[in-house]
Protein backbone atom coordinates (compact mmCIF):
# COMPACT_ATOMS: atom_id res chain seq x y z
CA MET A 1 76.20 59.41 148.36
CA ARG A 2 77.09 55.75 148.82
CA SER A 3 80.61 56.71 149.87
CA ILE A 4 79.37 59.15 152.51
CA LEU A 5 77.00 56.58 153.94
CA PHE A 6 79.78 53.97 153.94
CA VAL A 7 82.17 56.23 155.87
CA LEU A 8 79.45 57.18 158.36
CA GLU A 9 78.31 53.58 158.94
CA LYS A 10 81.90 52.36 159.42
CA ARG A 11 82.75 55.45 161.53
CA LEU A 12 85.96 55.94 159.56
CA PRO A 13 88.03 58.93 160.70
CA GLY A 14 89.93 61.11 158.28
CA ILE A 15 89.65 62.36 154.75
CA TYR A 16 88.99 60.08 151.77
CA ASN A 17 89.19 60.67 148.02
CA VAL A 18 86.21 59.37 146.09
CA ALA A 19 86.85 58.67 142.43
CA GLY A 20 86.28 55.82 140.04
CA ASP A 21 89.15 53.46 139.20
CA GLY A 22 91.44 54.21 136.30
CA LEU A 23 93.20 57.21 134.87
CA LEU A 24 91.22 59.12 132.30
CA PRO A 25 92.99 61.65 130.07
CA TRP A 26 91.08 64.67 128.75
CA THR A 27 91.21 63.22 125.25
CA GLU A 28 89.32 60.13 126.43
CA VAL A 29 86.76 62.26 128.28
CA ALA A 30 86.24 64.27 125.09
CA ARG A 31 85.88 61.06 123.04
CA ILE A 32 83.25 59.69 125.44
CA CYS A 33 81.40 63.02 125.21
CA GLY A 34 81.54 62.92 121.43
CA LYS A 35 83.80 65.98 121.16
CA ARG A 36 86.89 66.49 119.05
CA THR A 37 90.23 67.57 120.45
CA PHE A 38 93.42 69.03 119.04
CA PRO A 39 96.87 68.86 120.60
CA ILE A 40 98.32 72.00 122.13
CA MET A 41 102.06 72.29 122.49
CA PRO A 42 103.06 73.54 125.97
CA ILE A 43 104.77 76.52 124.38
CA ALA A 44 101.63 77.38 122.41
CA ASP A 45 99.25 77.78 125.34
CA GLY A 46 100.25 81.45 125.61
CA LEU A 47 99.28 81.96 121.98
CA ILE A 48 95.88 80.41 122.66
CA THR A 49 95.18 82.35 125.86
CA TRP A 50 96.45 85.67 124.44
CA PRO A 51 93.18 86.49 122.57
CA LEU A 52 91.23 85.77 125.75
CA LYS A 53 93.48 88.14 127.71
CA ARG A 54 92.88 90.83 125.08
CA LEU A 55 89.13 90.40 125.67
CA GLY A 56 89.66 90.77 129.43
CA VAL A 57 89.20 87.07 130.22
CA GLU A 58 91.92 85.91 132.57
CA LEU A 59 92.10 82.14 133.08
CA PRO A 60 93.14 81.15 136.61
CA GLU A 61 96.58 79.54 136.85
CA GLU A 62 95.00 76.48 138.48
CA LEU A 63 92.84 75.90 135.39
CA LEU A 64 95.82 76.29 133.06
CA THR A 65 97.82 73.81 135.16
CA LEU A 66 94.91 71.37 135.11
CA LEU A 67 94.65 71.63 131.32
CA ARG A 68 98.42 71.23 130.90
CA TYR A 69 99.05 68.31 133.24
CA GLY A 70 95.70 66.83 134.25
CA ARG A 71 94.86 65.56 137.71
CA GLY A 72 94.92 62.18 139.36
CA ILE A 73 93.08 61.09 142.48
CA ASP A 74 94.26 58.25 144.70
CA ASN A 75 91.21 56.29 145.89
CA ARG A 76 93.10 53.35 147.44
CA ARG A 77 92.49 54.37 151.06
CA LEU A 78 88.71 54.08 150.77
CA LYS A 79 89.04 50.84 148.78
CA ARG A 80 91.24 49.36 151.54
CA ALA A 81 88.50 50.26 154.02
CA GLY A 82 86.15 48.00 152.00
CA PHE A 83 84.27 50.43 149.76
CA ASP A 84 83.30 49.02 146.38
CA TYR A 85 83.10 51.59 143.60
CA GLN A 86 80.10 51.24 141.30
CA TYR A 87 81.79 52.86 138.26
CA THR A 88 85.24 53.23 136.79
CA SER A 89 86.34 56.75 135.85
CA ALA A 90 85.39 56.12 132.22
CA GLY A 91 82.11 54.49 133.29
CA SER A 92 81.14 57.49 135.43
CA VAL A 93 81.76 59.91 132.54
CA GLN A 94 79.76 57.64 130.22
CA ALA A 95 76.85 57.48 132.70
CA PHE A 96 76.94 61.28 133.08
CA VAL A 97 76.88 61.83 129.31
CA GLU A 98 73.97 59.39 128.91
CA ALA A 99 72.05 61.17 131.68
CA LEU A 100 72.62 64.54 129.96
CA ARG A 101 71.42 63.16 126.63
CA LEU A 102 68.35 61.64 128.27
CA ARG A 103 67.58 64.88 130.14
CA SER A 104 67.82 66.89 126.92
CA THR A 105 65.44 64.45 125.22
CA VAL A 106 62.94 63.77 128.00
CA GLY A 107 63.41 66.84 130.17
CA SER A 108 64.23 67.18 133.83
CA THR A 109 62.28 65.18 136.39
CA GLU A 110 63.19 67.50 139.22
CA PRO A 111 60.15 69.22 140.71
CA THR A 112 60.02 72.95 140.23
CA TYR A 113 58.53 75.37 142.71
CA ARG A 114 55.54 77.32 141.48
CA TYR A 115 54.08 80.17 143.50
CA GLU A 116 50.31 79.95 143.76
CA ARG A 117 48.60 83.07 145.01
CA ASP A 118 45.35 81.24 145.81
CA VAL A 119 47.13 78.90 148.22
CA GLU A 120 48.75 81.81 150.03
CA GLN A 121 45.41 83.63 150.26
CA PHE A 122 43.76 80.51 151.67
CA PHE A 123 46.31 80.32 154.50
CA ARG A 124 46.12 84.04 155.18
CA HIS A 125 42.33 84.01 155.60
CA SER A 126 41.53 80.47 156.73
CA PRO A 127 39.77 80.16 160.11
CA THR A 128 41.85 77.00 160.79
CA VAL A 129 45.05 79.03 161.02
CA ILE A 130 46.07 79.65 164.63
CA ARG A 131 47.22 83.20 164.96
CA GLU A 132 49.76 84.18 167.56
CA ALA A 133 49.43 87.25 169.77
CA ASP A 134 52.73 88.49 168.33
CA PRO A 135 52.80 87.16 164.75
CA GLY A 136 56.09 86.53 163.03
CA PRO A 137 57.02 87.97 159.64
CA SER A 138 54.46 85.78 157.84
CA GLY A 139 51.64 86.85 160.15
CA PHE A 140 50.34 83.34 160.81
CA ARG A 141 51.23 79.91 162.14
CA ILE A 142 49.72 76.58 161.11
């Protein structure tokens, strides 16, 4: 969000990559997440994906390429424009993992919508609702 606001405030034209500093291999991401990894020889990836193919699960070539070679993002253009990243790549993964652990312990703080029939009935029958001559799909207007 900070990066979007920065680009809008500075009125910077063009496309910018937003990513924390530093390269982060999958093995390091797995270590930060507390997961174990095992090396896969490039020739062996067909042996690993073969059982999935037999089950009808076809992995997209883009995913296989990403798993084989990884991906790097060049964030220098936005940095040259003056943007200061808050996290490194490893720091952003660490913050994400900590947020997931906290959410699983405490629960989500996001509000959830709950339909309340009494509220709808109040608005349908309230004398304070101004009704149009040609009501819309809801039948009333507040």
